[in-house]
Protein backbone atom coordinates (compact mmCIF):
# COMPACT_ATOMS: atom_id res chain seq x y z
CA MET A 1 -5.73 9.00 -15.16
CA THR A 2 -3.25 6.50 -13.71
CA GLU A 3 0.14 6.30 -15.36
CA MET A 4 1.08 2.80 -16.56
CA THR A 5 4.69 3.25 -15.52
CA SER A 6 6.65 5.82 -13.59
CA GLN A 7 10.17 7.05 -14.06
CA PRO A 8 12.64 7.09 -11.16
CA LYS A 9 13.54 10.61 -10.07
CA ASN A 10 17.30 11.10 -9.69
CA GLY A 11 17.63 7.35 -9.30
CA VAL A 12 14.94 7.21 -6.60
CA PRO A 13 11.75 5.28 -7.45
CA ARG A 14 8.66 7.49 -7.46
CA HIS A 15 6.43 4.83 -5.95
CA VAL A 16 7.37 2.11 -3.47
CA ALA A 17 4.81 -0.41 -2.22
CA ILE A 18 5.43 -2.62 0.79
CA ILE A 19 3.78 -5.83 1.95
CA MET A 20 4.36 -5.64 5.70
CA ASP A 21 4.76 -9.26 6.78
CA GLY A 22 6.14 -11.00 9.85
CA ASN A 23 4.49 -9.39 12.87
CA GLY A 24 3.18 -12.71 14.16
CA ARG A 25 6.47 -14.55 13.71
CA TRP A 26 8.35 -11.70 15.39
CA ALA A 27 6.09 -12.01 18.44
CA ARG A 28 6.14 -15.81 18.51
CA ALA A 29 9.95 -15.88 18.42
CA ARG A 30 9.94 -13.78 21.61
CA GLY A 31 7.16 -15.62 23.39
CA LEU A 32 4.85 -12.61 23.05
CA PRO A 33 1.21 -12.36 21.94
CA ARG A 34 0.61 -11.49 18.29
CA ALA A 35 -0.75 -8.11 19.39
CA ALA A 36 2.76 -7.19 20.56
CA GLY A 37 4.07 -7.91 17.07
CA HIS A 38 1.43 -5.70 15.50
CA LYS A 39 2.27 -2.90 17.93
CA ARG A 40 5.95 -3.11 17.04
CA GLY A 41 4.91 -3.23 13.40
CA ALA A 42 3.28 0.17 13.84
CA ASP A 43 6.69 1.49 14.94
CA ALA A 44 8.13 0.14 11.69
CA VAL A 45 5.45 2.05 9.77
CA ARG A 46 6.76 5.28 11.31
CA ARG A 47 10.31 4.39 10.29
CA ALA A 48 9.21 3.54 6.76
CA VAL A 49 7.39 6.85 6.38
CA GLU A 50 10.37 8.77 7.73
CA GLY A 51 12.70 6.87 5.41
CA ALA A 52 10.49 7.53 2.38
CA VAL A 53 10.48 11.27 3.11
CA GLU A 54 14.26 11.35 3.63
CA LEU A 55 14.91 9.33 0.46
CA GLY A 56 12.69 11.59 -1.66
CA ILE A 57 10.08 8.99 -2.59
CA ASP A 58 6.84 10.52 -3.86
CA TYR A 59 4.42 7.65 -3.14
CA LEU A 60 4.53 4.96 -0.46
CA THR A 61 1.78 2.33 -0.39
CA LEU A 62 1.51 0.03 2.63
CA TYR A 63 -0.56 -3.15 2.75
CA GLY A 64 -2.21 -2.60 6.11
CA PHE A 65 -5.08 -5.11 6.21
CA SER A 66 -6.19 -7.41 3.41
CA SER A 67 -9.75 -8.44 2.66
CA GLU A 68 -8.68 -11.98 3.61
CA ASN A 69 -7.45 -10.89 7.06
CA TRP A 70 -11.02 -11.02 8.39
CA LYS A 71 -10.52 -14.80 8.53
CA ARG A 72 -8.04 -14.38 11.39
CA PRO A 73 -9.17 -14.99 15.00
CA VAL A 74 -11.66 -12.38 16.20
CA GLU A 75 -9.36 -11.34 19.05
CA GLU A 76 -6.51 -10.61 16.64
CA VAL A 77 -8.78 -8.64 14.28
CA ASN A 78 -10.06 -6.61 17.22
CA ASP A 79 -6.48 -5.90 18.30
CA LEU A 80 -5.63 -4.73 14.78
CA MET A 81 -8.67 -2.46 14.61
CA GLY A 82 -7.84 -1.04 18.03
CA LEU A 83 -4.30 -0.33 16.89
CA LEU A 84 -5.67 1.36 13.76
CA ARG A 85 -7.91 3.58 15.89
CA HIS A 86 -4.96 4.53 18.07
CA TYR A 87 -2.80 5.28 15.01
CA LEU A 88 -5.47 7.45 13.41
CA ARG A 89 -6.01 9.41 16.62
CA SER A 90 -2.38 9.84 17.66
CA GLU A 91 -0.22 9.86 14.53
CA ILE A 92 -2.08 11.92 11.95
CA ALA A 93 -1.03 15.25 13.47
CA GLU A 94 2.62 14.21 13.20
CA LEU A 95 2.17 13.05 9.61
CA HIS A 96 0.47 16.33 8.82
CA GLY A 97 3.37 18.22 10.39
CA ARG A 98 5.78 16.31 8.16
CA GLY A 99 3.79 17.31 5.08
CA VAL A 100 2.51 13.79 4.42
CA ARG A 101 -0.76 13.29 2.60
CA ILE A 102 -2.53 10.08 3.62
CA ARG A 103 -5.25 8.29 1.70
CA PHE A 104 -6.84 4.88 2.07
CA ILE A 105 -7.82 2.33 -0.55
CA GLY A 106 -10.04 -0.69 -0.01
CA GLU A 107 -13.63 -1.38 0.97
CA ARG A 108 -14.85 0.67 3.93
CA ALA A 109 -18.31 -0.87 4.33
CA GLN A 110 -17.04 -3.59 6.70
CA LEU A 111 -15.15 -1.15 8.91
CA ALA A 112 -16.63 0.29 12.11
CA PRO A 113 -18.29 3.70 11.61
CA ASP A 114 -15.85 5.46 13.95
CA ILE A 115 -12.89 4.12 11.96
CA VAL A 116 -14.49 5.28 8.70
CA ALA A 117 -14.97 8.73 10.24
CA LEU A 118 -11.34 8.87 11.43
CA ILE A 119 -10.14 7.86 7.96
CA GLY A 120 -12.19 10.64 6.38
CA GLN A 121 -10.81 13.19 8.84
CA ALA A 122 -7.22 12.08 8.20
CA GLU A 123 -7.66 12.31 4.44
CA GLN A 124 -9.26 15.73 4.66
CA GLN A 125 -6.70 17.14 7.10
CA THR A 126 -3.69 16.08 5.02
CA TYR A 127 -5.19 16.60 1.55
CA ASN A 128 -2.94 19.49 0.49
CA ASN A 129 0.35 18.04 1.75
CA THR A 130 3.06 17.28 -0.80
CA ALA A 131 6.13 15.87 0.98
CA LEU A 132 4.91 12.28 0.57
CA ASN A 133 1.76 10.55 -0.63
CA LEU A 134 1.11 7.76 1.87
CA ILE A 135 -1.46 5.24 0.67
CA VAL A 136 -2.73 2.64 3.10
CA ALA A 137 -4.46 -0.44 1.68
CA LEU A 138 -7.10 -1.32 4.28
CA ASN A 139 -9.61 -4.13 3.81
CA TYR A 140 -8.11 -4.29 0.34
CA GLY A 141 -7.79 -7.09 -2.20
CA GLY A 142 -6.49 -6.78 -5.75
CA ARG A 143 -9.02 -9.20 -7.23
CA GLY A 144 -11.86 -7.39 -5.52
CA GLU A 145 -10.60 -4.05 -6.83
CA ILE A 146 -10.43 -5.37 -10.40
CA THR A 147 -13.89 -6.94 -10.06
CA ALA A 148 -15.34 -3.63 -8.81
CA ALA A 149 -13.79 -1.78 -11.75
CA ALA A 150 -15.24 -4.30 -14.22
CA ARG A 151 -18.65 -4.01 -12.54
CA SER A 152 -18.53 -0.20 -12.79
CA LEU A 153 -17.65 -0.34 -16.48
CA ALA A 154 -20.39 -2.91 -17.10
CA ARG A 155 -22.93 -0.51 -15.62
CA ASP A 156 -21.62 2.26 -17.89
CA VAL A 157 -22.06 0.02 -20.94
CA ALA A 158 -25.51 -1.17 -19.86
CA SER A 159 -26.68 2.43 -19.41
CA GLY A 160 -25.27 3.50 -22.77
CA ARG A 161 -22.73 5.89 -21.26
CA ARG A 162 -19.85 3.95 -22.78
CA ARG A 163 -19.28 1.64 -25.75
CA PRO A 164 -17.45 -1.66 -25.13
CA GLU A 165 -14.95 -0.87 -27.91
CA ASP A 166 -13.95 2.33 -26.10
CA ILE A 167 -12.71 0.45 -23.05
CA ASP A 168 -8.93 0.22 -23.11
CA GLU A 169 -6.31 -0.16 -20.38
CA ALA A 170 -6.32 3.54 -19.57
CA VAL A 171 -10.10 3.59 -19.14
CA PHE A 172 -9.97 0.49 -16.97
CA GLN A 173 -7.23 1.98 -14.80
CA SER A 174 -9.31 5.08 -14.24
CA HIS A 175 -11.87 2.89 -12.45
CA LEU A 176 -9.35 1.47 -9.98
CA SER A 177 -8.97 2.85 -6.47
CA THR A 178 -5.48 4.09 -7.30
CA THR A 179 -6.56 6.36 -10.13
CA GLY A 180 -4.21 9.32 -10.36
CA VAL A 181 -1.36 7.41 -8.70
CA PRO A 182 1.61 6.13 -10.74
CA ASP A 183 2.10 2.38 -10.72
CA PRO A 184 4.68 1.14 -8.18
CA ASP A 185 8.25 0.89 -9.40
CA VAL A 186 9.08 -1.68 -6.76
CA VAL A 187 7.10 -3.91 -4.41
CA ILE A 188 8.95 -4.94 -1.26
CA ARG A 189 7.84 -7.86 0.90
CA THR A 190 9.37 -8.51 4.28
CA SER A 191 9.76 -11.78 6.25
CA GLY A 192 11.19 -13.90 3.43
CA GLU A 193 7.87 -14.91 1.88
CA LYS A 194 7.88 -14.73 -1.91
CA ARG A 195 4.35 -13.92 -3.04
CA ILE A 196 2.27 -10.78 -3.52
CA SER A 197 -0.87 -11.97 -1.69
CA ASN A 198 -3.52 -10.22 -3.79
CA PHE A 199 -1.82 -6.83 -3.51
CA LEU A 200 -1.99 -4.25 -6.35
CA LEU A 201 -2.37 -7.00 -8.96
CA TRP A 202 -3.06 -4.66 -11.89
CA GLN A 203 -0.72 -1.90 -10.79
CA SER A 204 2.27 -4.19 -10.20
CA ALA A 205 2.36 -5.61 -13.73
CA TYR A 206 5.83 -4.13 -14.36
CA ALA A 207 7.01 -3.54 -10.81
CA GLU A 208 10.25 -5.03 -9.59
CA LEU A 209 9.64 -7.47 -6.73
CA VAL A 210 12.13 -7.42 -3.87
CA PHE A 211 11.83 -9.99 -1.08
CA ILE A 212 13.80 -9.48 2.11
CA ASP A 213 14.17 -11.75 5.13
CA THR A 214 13.72 -9.02 7.76
CA LEU A 215 10.50 -9.37 9.76
CA TRP A 216 8.38 -6.23 9.52
CA PRO A 217 8.77 -5.09 13.17
CA ASP A 218 12.55 -5.00 12.60
CA PHE A 219 12.32 -3.11 9.30
CA GLY A 220 14.42 0.04 9.38
CA LYS A 221 15.98 2.61 7.11
CA GLN A 222 18.93 0.34 6.28
CA ASP A 223 16.52 -2.39 5.10
CA PHE A 224 14.72 0.23 3.03
CA GLU A 225 17.97 1.39 1.44
CA ASN A 226 19.10 -2.20 0.80
CA ALA A 227 15.82 -2.96 -0.98
CA LEU A 228 16.17 0.13 -3.16
CA HIS A 229 19.77 -0.83 -3.91
CA GLU A 230 18.47 -4.17 -5.21
CA PHE A 231 15.90 -2.27 -7.29
CA HIS A 232 18.68 -0.19 -8.86
CA ARG A 233 20.52 -3.38 -9.88
CA ARG A 234 17.59 -4.43 -12.05
CA GLU A 235 17.21 -3.54 -15.71
CA ARG A 236 13.61 -2.53 -16.32
CA ARG A 237 12.71 -3.32 -19.92
CA TYR A 238 8.86 -3.35 -19.90
CA GLY A 239 8.86 -6.22 -22.38
CA ALA A 240 11.57 -4.80 -24.68
CA ALA A 241 14.78 -6.62 -25.52
CA GLY A 242 17.64 -6.23 -23.07
CA GLY A 243 21.10 -4.95 -23.74
């Protein structure tokens, strides 16, 4: 069952979620195609994973591809899917060697069969790793996730397996794709935009939101540490009165 909140471990948040934004602007500023920005963004993913392991973070969730991203030009979507294929084929062995467990959340039905197969292989290969839980949100949308959970519970009620009065927050959370994962302590968004873009809507109810100006391809360990420093400055009260 998903925990509603998590407690920082030795001052380090257990769960950090990142909205990786700014690949296109990074490329445009350099007169490069958007694909070049996405490729450099993949390098930033490596740095983020390395930083999370070094900092002792237990869970890192990355917003890789939203359910709304299908609206982008076909060429750009194809470039992103090609980059995903390359990442799954070339990087998983290194992640496995680092002790990283990877899992994916989001709808897989729209993804190409070979990508679905690569995702399954990556999850299976790294299942027993414990150095870091890396969660990649792929073809994911928070509203869609909540709708799917409500639909699942409605079927349970209609079949008589569950009574409506027995549905509480804990039961609802157990039907989300992040079941078993503590809610994020902090959500970081790069590129200076200040919105969460349909990302972990339920799970982020009490997360601290940190917005940084760095474009995602330039995101490095120092940016990671600066964001966590901002997190530490906050007083998390979960609705209680402050000091």
